[in-house]
């Protein structure tokens, strides 16, 4: 059963190839919109995409629930009987990426649920014997088990970075569980086979940390300098986001999770076929290696100042075969789009729910 826990409130990167209340939040700062592969009209911006940024620093007391191999720690906002929205964070970030998004959606009547991924915050493995596995299928199964534990049959799902890849997988393999999807940086499902193919040197340079993590020196370095490392990634991935120490430190507490380093290292090593993953996910990974299309109604988003590796929207648009729209969010928005442009992200959730 889910139950409240009295933790201290904790305030706060993919596939390189490929009003409030019930009324809408208002116009957002979108440089261009594209629906079903055809250009749409530019959307005006009387209120900026980041207008709500920094208004909140915490969630209500977090909850816990046993789900699959994890005891998941999660934030919840909004009416318990509202339409569910599941929001997933990335690396190296945490649930506070949605600290300003959640109140906007809650005020619009949604039940907003934001879990810590495996290796973050208060989420823990139920068994010490469980492999500290970071492969993409494992995170997707975690999300599915979490929905099952909460008895959520279908939800609007959203995410960025690891979270975007995870909701992509949910939508591709279990479309009946996804009413709609918002995915920052688009289609991020990958495969070990695809990742064996080299990229041009300039693109490889962006993945420096992946190669660092492939070494024992990288493991030791990330363990010793976790917070310094994470802060550097934040700065490189969002070069125009002037976040303060308090904002970073609220998220950095999530990296104190005893499994964080192991999960992070395994995730990037698995991509390069340096970690094999678990046999129980082999069939899922075979399906994902085909890079399946996604038919769930989708809005993909990108910030105009994303400094992290990310695919060109034109390269993945055809992967979305249902109702689809792309939004470029302007104003110096980087990789952590939900936290940097919460109004734009929340509006996308509301809009995709109406598709």
Protein backbone atom coordinates (compact mmCIF):
# COMPACT_ATOMS: atom_id res chain seq x y z
CA UNK A 1 0.00 0.00 0.00
CA UNK A 2 1.07 3.55 -0.61
CA UNK A 3 1.75 5.54 2.51
CA UNK A 4 3.14 8.93 3.42
CA UNK A 5 6.69 9.19 4.62
CA UNK A 6 8.17 12.06 6.55
CA UNK A 7 11.36 12.55 4.59
CA UNK A 8 12.70 16.04 4.56
CA UNK A 9 11.28 17.74 1.53
CA UNK A 10 13.87 17.51 -1.17
CA UNK A 11 14.16 20.37 -3.18
CA UNK A 12 16.09 19.81 -6.60
CA UNK A 13 20.91 12.99 -20.56
CA UNK A 14 19.58 9.18 -25.59
CA UNK A 15 19.66 8.34 -28.99
CA UNK A 16 22.06 10.66 -30.80
CA UNK A 17 21.36 9.27 -34.29
CA UNK A 18 17.91 9.55 -34.73
CA UNK A 19 -4.81 30.92 -16.59
CA UNK A 20 -4.34 28.03 -14.38
CA UNK A 21 -7.41 26.01 -13.17
CA UNK A 22 -9.18 23.86 -15.72
CA UNK A 23 -8.61 26.41 -18.45
CA UNK A 24 -5.40 26.26 -20.53
CA UNK A 25 -2.35 27.81 -18.98
CA UNK A 26 -2.27 30.44 -21.70
CA UNK A 27 -0.07 30.95 -24.71
CA UNK A 28 3.47 29.71 -24.41
CA UNK A 29 6.76 30.71 -25.99
CA UNK A 30 6.98 28.30 -28.92
CA UNK A 31 9.12 29.26 -31.89
CA UNK A 32 7.53 26.70 -34.21
CA UNK A 33 4.94 23.97 -34.15
CA UNK A 34 4.69 20.95 -36.43
CA UNK A 35 1.73 18.61 -36.55
CA UNK A 36 1.80 15.21 -38.29
CA UNK A 37 4.89 16.28 -40.19
CA UNK A 38 3.48 19.51 -41.62
CA UNK A 39 4.42 22.97 -40.49
CA UNK A 40 1.89 24.77 -38.34
CA UNK A 41 1.41 28.38 -37.50
CA UNK A 42 3.74 29.98 -34.98
CA UNK A 43 2.22 30.26 -31.55
CA UNK A 44 2.29 33.65 -29.83
CA UNK A 45 3.76 34.20 -26.43
CA UNK A 46 1.99 36.72 -24.21
CA UNK A 47 3.20 34.71 -21.24
CA UNK A 48 6.70 33.23 -21.37
CA UNK A 49 7.28 29.50 -21.21
CA UNK A 50 9.27 29.92 -18.01
CA UNK A 51 6.95 32.31 -16.17
CA UNK A 52 6.35 29.87 -13.29
CA UNK A 53 10.00 28.82 -12.95
CA UNK A 54 11.27 28.98 -9.40
CA UNK A 55 7.92 29.57 -7.73
CA UNK A 56 8.06 26.31 -5.80
CA UNK A 57 10.86 24.54 -3.99
CA UNK A 58 9.19 21.43 -2.57
CA UNK A 59 6.37 18.94 -2.83
CA UNK A 60 3.93 17.71 -0.22
CA UNK A 61 5.37 14.89 1.96
CA UNK A 62 6.53 12.09 -0.27
CA UNK A 63 4.85 8.70 -0.47
CA UNK A 64 6.17 5.15 -0.89
CA UNK A 65 4.82 2.04 -2.56
CA UNK A 66 6.23 -1.42 -3.32
CA UNK A 67 6.31 -1.84 -7.10
CA UNK A 68 8.14 -4.65 -8.89
CA UNK A 69 11.67 -4.91 -7.51
CA UNK A 70 11.53 -1.48 -5.89
CA UNK A 71 10.07 0.45 -3.02
CA UNK A 72 9.37 3.63 -4.95
CA UNK A 73 9.46 7.06 -3.35
CA UNK A 74 7.27 9.55 -5.17
CA UNK A 75 5.62 12.94 -5.06
CA UNK A 76 1.92 13.40 -5.76
CA UNK A 77 -0.16 16.52 -6.34
CA UNK A 78 -3.70 17.28 -7.37
CA UNK A 79 -7.02 15.51 -6.80
CA UNK A 80 -6.84 11.78 -6.17
CA UNK A 81 -9.64 11.19 -8.69
CA UNK A 82 -8.15 13.47 -11.36
CA UNK A 83 -6.85 12.16 -14.71
CA UNK A 84 -3.41 10.70 -13.92
CA UNK A 85 -0.19 12.18 -15.27
CA UNK A 86 3.09 10.30 -14.79
CA UNK A 87 6.25 12.41 -15.06
CA UNK A 88 9.74 10.89 -15.15
CA UNK A 89 13.04 12.67 -14.57
CA UNK A 90 16.46 12.07 -16.11
CA UNK A 91 20.16 11.92 -15.21
CA UNK A 92 21.56 13.64 -13.28
CA UNK A 93 18.35 15.31 -12.14
CA UNK A 94 15.48 14.34 -9.88
CA UNK A 95 11.80 14.89 -9.18
CA UNK A 96 12.35 18.61 -8.62
CA UNK A 97 12.57 18.98 -12.39
CA UNK A 98 8.76 19.03 -12.08
CA UNK A 99 8.42 21.09 -8.91
CA UNK A 100 6.81 23.97 -10.84
CA UNK A 101 5.02 21.77 -13.40
CA UNK A 102 3.12 19.73 -10.83
CA UNK A 103 1.20 22.65 -9.25
CA UNK A 104 0.14 23.93 -12.67
CA UNK A 105 -1.27 20.54 -13.64
CA UNK A 106 -2.79 19.95 -10.22
CA UNK A 107 -4.63 23.26 -10.47
CA UNK A 108 -5.96 22.12 -13.85
CA UNK A 109 -7.47 19.05 -12.17
CA UNK A 110 -4.83 16.41 -12.86
CA UNK A 111 -3.46 13.83 -10.45
CA UNK A 112 0.28 14.34 -10.92
CA UNK A 113 2.69 11.57 -9.92
CA UNK A 114 6.46 12.03 -9.99
CA UNK A 115 8.56 9.05 -8.85
CA UNK A 116 12.25 8.85 -8.12
CA UNK A 117 13.84 6.46 -10.62
CA UNK A 118 15.89 3.51 -9.41
CA UNK A 119 19.10 4.87 -7.92
CA UNK A 120 17.63 8.22 -6.90
CA UNK A 121 16.21 9.76 -3.77
CA UNK A 122 14.29 7.48 -1.47
CA UNK A 123 13.65 4.72 -4.05
CA UNK A 124 15.27 1.47 -2.94
CA UNK A 125 15.56 -2.14 -4.13
CA UNK A 126 13.46 -4.50 -2.07
CA UNK A 127 16.24 -7.10 -2.20
CA UNK A 128 19.98 -6.58 -1.81
CA UNK A 129 20.38 -9.42 -4.33
CA UNK A 130 18.74 -7.45 -7.15
CA UNK A 131 21.21 -6.44 -9.89
CA UNK A 132 21.86 -2.71 -9.95
CA UNK A 133 20.86 -2.65 -13.59
CA UNK A 134 20.43 0.60 -15.53
CA UNK A 135 19.40 -0.74 -18.97
CA UNK A 136 16.49 0.97 -20.73
CA UNK A 137 14.06 -1.95 -20.47
CA UNK A 138 14.56 -2.20 -16.72
CA UNK A 139 13.54 1.40 -16.17
CA UNK A 140 10.48 0.96 -18.38
CA UNK A 141 9.38 -2.14 -16.48
CA UNK A 142 9.86 -0.17 -13.27
CA UNK A 143 7.45 2.48 -14.57
CA UNK A 144 4.91 -0.14 -15.61
CA UNK A 145 5.12 -1.87 -12.24
CA UNK A 146 4.69 1.49 -10.53
CA UNK A 147 1.52 2.19 -12.53
CA UNK A 148 0.22 -1.28 -11.67
CA UNK A 149 0.90 -0.79 -7.98
CA UNK A 150 -1.08 2.44 -8.02
CA UNK A 151 -3.82 0.76 -10.09
CA UNK A 152 -3.42 3.30 -12.89
CA UNK A 153 -4.73 1.75 -16.09
CA UNK A 154 -3.79 4.64 -18.38
CA UNK A 155 -2.04 7.98 -17.92
CA UNK A 156 -0.64 10.87 -19.85
CA UNK A 157 3.11 10.31 -19.59
CA UNK A 158 5.94 12.80 -19.89
CA UNK A 159 9.66 12.91 -19.46
CA UNK A 160 13.08 14.19 -20.46
CA UNK A 161 16.44 12.45 -20.79
CA UNK A 162 16.18 8.97 -19.18
CA UNK A 163 12.58 9.81 -18.42
CA UNK A 164 11.80 10.57 -22.08
CA UNK A 165 13.33 7.28 -23.19
CA UNK A 166 11.29 5.46 -20.57
CA UNK A 167 7.96 6.99 -21.61
CA UNK A 168 8.90 6.31 -25.26
CA UNK A 169 9.23 2.63 -24.37
CA UNK A 170 5.96 2.60 -22.45
CA UNK A 171 4.18 4.15 -25.44
CA UNK A 172 5.83 1.80 -27.95
CA UNK A 173 5.34 -1.48 -26.09
CA UNK A 174 2.30 -0.80 -23.93
CA UNK A 175 0.33 1.88 -25.83
CA UNK A 176 -2.88 0.99 -24.03
CA UNK A 177 -1.33 2.37 -20.84
CA UNK A 178 -0.56 5.77 -22.36
CA UNK A 179 -3.32 8.22 -23.15
CA UNK A 180 -0.77 10.66 -24.55
CA UNK A 181 2.91 11.43 -24.31
CA UNK A 182 5.14 14.49 -24.00
CA UNK A 183 8.76 13.70 -24.81
CA UNK A 184 11.62 16.17 -24.59
CA UNK A 185 14.15 15.59 -27.39
CA UNK A 186 11.73 13.27 -29.16
CA UNK A 187 12.39 9.60 -29.90
CA UNK A 188 15.14 8.23 -27.70
CA UNK A 189 14.71 4.44 -27.83
CA UNK A 190 18.06 2.86 -28.64
CA UNK A 191 19.83 -0.47 -28.93
CA UNK A 192 23.25 -1.87 -28.27
CA UNK A 193 23.58 -2.80 -31.95
CA UNK A 194 22.85 0.74 -33.10
CA UNK A 195 25.26 2.10 -30.51
CA UNK A 196 28.11 0.07 -32.04
CA UNK A 197 28.08 2.41 -35.03
CA UNK A 198 30.52 5.33 -34.66
CA UNK A 199 29.38 8.92 -34.84
CA UNK A 200 31.28 11.84 -36.39
CA UNK A 201 34.02 13.07 -34.02
CA UNK A 202 32.14 16.22 -33.04
CA UNK A 203 29.14 14.15 -31.99
CA UNK A 204 31.31 11.64 -30.13
CA UNK A 205 32.83 14.49 -28.15
CA UNK A 206 29.41 15.27 -26.65
CA UNK A 207 29.33 11.78 -25.14
CA UNK A 208 32.62 12.19 -23.24
CA UNK A 209 31.08 11.13 -19.94
CA UNK A 210 29.82 7.85 -21.45
CA UNK A 211 33.38 6.86 -22.37
CA UNK A 212 34.65 8.09 -19.00
CA UNK A 213 32.14 5.83 -17.28
CA UNK A 214 33.45 2.88 -19.31
CA UNK A 215 36.66 3.03 -17.28
CA UNK A 216 37.35 2.15 -13.69
CA UNK A 217 38.79 5.62 -13.28
CA UNK A 218 35.37 6.94 -14.30
CA UNK A 219 33.62 4.84 -11.69
CA UNK A 220 35.93 6.07 -8.97
CA UNK A 221 35.71 9.64 -10.22
CA UNK A 222 31.92 9.70 -10.33
CA UNK A 223 31.68 8.17 -6.88
CA UNK A 224 34.16 10.67 -5.42
CA UNK A 225 32.87 13.75 -7.23
CA UNK A 226 29.18 12.95 -7.77
CA UNK A 227 27.85 16.41 -7.03
CA UNK A 228 30.63 18.23 -8.87
CA UNK A 229 30.05 15.96 -11.86
CA UNK A 230 26.30 16.51 -11.83
CA UNK A 231 26.67 20.25 -11.56
CA UNK A 232 29.03 20.26 -14.56
CA UNK A 233 26.46 18.31 -16.60
CA UNK A 234 23.75 20.79 -15.61
CA UNK A 235 25.94 23.70 -16.73
CA UNK A 236 26.91 22.08 -20.05
CA UNK A 237 23.41 20.84 -20.83
CA UNK A 238 21.69 24.11 -19.97
CA UNK A 239 24.27 26.82 -20.66
CA UNK A 240 21.79 29.69 -20.33
CA UNK A 241 20.02 28.48 -17.19
CA UNK A 242 21.26 30.57 -14.27
CA UNK A 243 20.21 28.14 -11.53
CA UNK A 244 21.34 28.97 -8.03
CA UNK A 245 23.04 26.80 -5.42
CA UNK A 246 19.82 26.13 -3.56
CA UNK A 247 18.12 24.80 -6.70
CA UNK A 248 21.01 22.45 -7.46
CA UNK A 249 21.42 21.32 -3.88
CA UNK A 250 17.77 20.34 -3.57
CA UNK A 251 18.27 17.88 -6.43
CA UNK A 252 21.76 16.79 -5.43
CA UNK A 253 20.47 15.09 -2.30
CA UNK A 254 18.85 12.50 -4.62
CA UNK A 255 22.33 11.37 -5.71
CA UNK A 256 23.10 10.24 -2.17
CA UNK A 257 21.06 7.10 -2.90
CA UNK A 258 23.41 4.14 -2.27
CA UNK A 259 22.65 2.68 -5.72
CA UNK A 260 23.01 5.91 -7.70
CA UNK A 261 26.59 5.42 -8.91
CA UNK A 262 26.08 1.76 -9.84
CA UNK A 263 22.86 2.47 -11.78
CA UNK A 264 24.37 5.46 -13.59
CA UNK A 265 27.51 3.58 -14.62
CA UNK A 266 25.53 0.51 -15.70
CA UNK A 267 23.16 2.60 -17.83
CA UNK A 268 25.94 4.07 -19.94
CA UNK A 269 28.01 0.87 -20.06
CA UNK A 270 24.94 -1.08 -21.24
CA UNK A 271 24.54 1.30 -24.18
CA UNK A 272 28.06 0.40 -25.37
CA UNK A 273 27.50 -3.34 -24.75
CA UNK A 274 29.96 -3.24 -21.88
CA UNK A 275 27.24 -4.39 -19.49
CA UNK A 276 24.97 -7.22 -20.60
CA UNK A 277 21.81 -6.43 -18.73
CA UNK A 278 19.46 -9.07 -17.32
CA UNK A 279 18.20 -12.03 -19.33
CA UNK A 280 14.61 -11.38 -18.26
CA UNK A 281 14.65 -8.22 -20.38
CA UNK A 282 16.10 -9.84 -23.53
CA UNK A 283 12.78 -10.14 -25.39
CA UNK A 284 11.88 -6.56 -24.63
CA UNK A 285 15.27 -5.37 -25.84
CA UNK A 286 14.84 -7.32 -29.09
CA UNK A 287 11.61 -5.45 -29.71
CA UNK A 288 13.19 -2.13 -28.84
CA UNK A 289 16.17 -2.83 -31.12
CA UNK A 290 13.76 -2.67 -34.08
CA UNK A 291 13.09 0.97 -33.10
CA UNK A 292 9.32 0.54 -33.09
CA UNK A 293 6.98 3.31 -34.17
CA UNK A 294 4.86 5.07 -31.57
CA UNK A 295 1.18 5.56 -32.32
CA UNK A 296 0.24 7.23 -29.05
CA UNK A 297 -0.73 10.92 -29.40
CA UNK A 298 2.53 12.79 -28.86
CA UNK A 299 4.04 16.20 -28.46
CA UNK A 300 7.82 16.33 -28.66
CA UNK A 301 9.70 19.35 -27.38
CA UNK A 302 13.15 20.85 -27.58
CA UNK A 303 14.76 23.84 -25.93
CA UNK A 304 16.56 26.29 -28.17
CA UNK A 305 19.69 26.14 -25.97
CA UNK A 306 19.96 22.40 -25.27
CA UNK A 307 23.67 21.73 -24.79
CA UNK A 308 23.27 17.97 -24.29
CA UNK A 309 23.42 15.41 -27.12
CA UNK A 310 20.02 15.29 -28.80
CA UNK A 311 18.65 14.19 -32.19
CA UNK A 312 17.41 16.51 -34.92
CA UNK A 313 13.59 16.55 -34.79
CA UNK A 314 13.45 15.96 -38.56
CA UNK A 315 15.21 12.63 -38.04
CA UNK A 316 12.61 11.19 -35.70
CA UNK A 317 9.29 12.77 -36.76
CA UNK A 318 8.27 9.71 -38.82
CA UNK A 319 8.61 7.46 -35.76
CA UNK A 320 5.40 9.01 -34.44
CA UNK A 321 2.55 7.60 -36.48
CA UNK A 322 -0.37 8.95 -34.46
CA UNK A 323 -1.36 12.54 -33.92
CA UNK A 324 1.89 14.39 -33.49
CA UNK A 325 3.30 17.85 -32.92
CA UNK A 326 6.79 19.25 -32.37
CA UNK A 327 7.42 22.37 -30.31
CA UNK A 328 10.63 24.36 -30.11
CA UNK A 329 10.70 26.32 -26.87
CA UNK A 330 12.65 29.54 -27.10
CA UNK A 331 14.21 31.86 -24.55
CA UNK A 332 17.48 30.08 -23.79
CA UNK A 333 15.85 26.83 -22.64
CA UNK A 334 18.25 23.95 -22.13
CA UNK A 335 18.13 20.22 -21.49
CA UNK A 336 16.06 20.25 -18.32
CA UNK A 337 13.05 21.68 -20.14
CA UNK A 338 10.37 20.97 -17.51
CA UNK A 339 12.24 22.86 -14.83
CA UNK A 340 13.46 25.63 -17.11
CA UNK A 341 10.14 26.13 -18.95
CA UNK A 342 7.45 24.69 -16.68
CA UNK A 343 4.56 26.56 -18.27
CA UNK A 344 5.42 25.24 -21.74
CA UNK A 345 5.78 21.67 -20.46
CA UNK A 346 2.56 21.76 -18.47
CA UNK A 347 0.70 23.22 -21.44
CA UNK A 348 1.97 20.37 -23.62
CA UNK A 349 0.62 17.81 -21.14
CA UNK A 350 -2.78 19.50 -21.19
CA UNK A 351 -2.77 19.80 -24.98
CA UNK A 352 -1.77 16.20 -25.69
CA UNK A 353 -4.51 15.04 -23.35
CA UNK A 354 -6.98 16.77 -25.70
CA UNK A 355 -5.61 15.20 -28.90
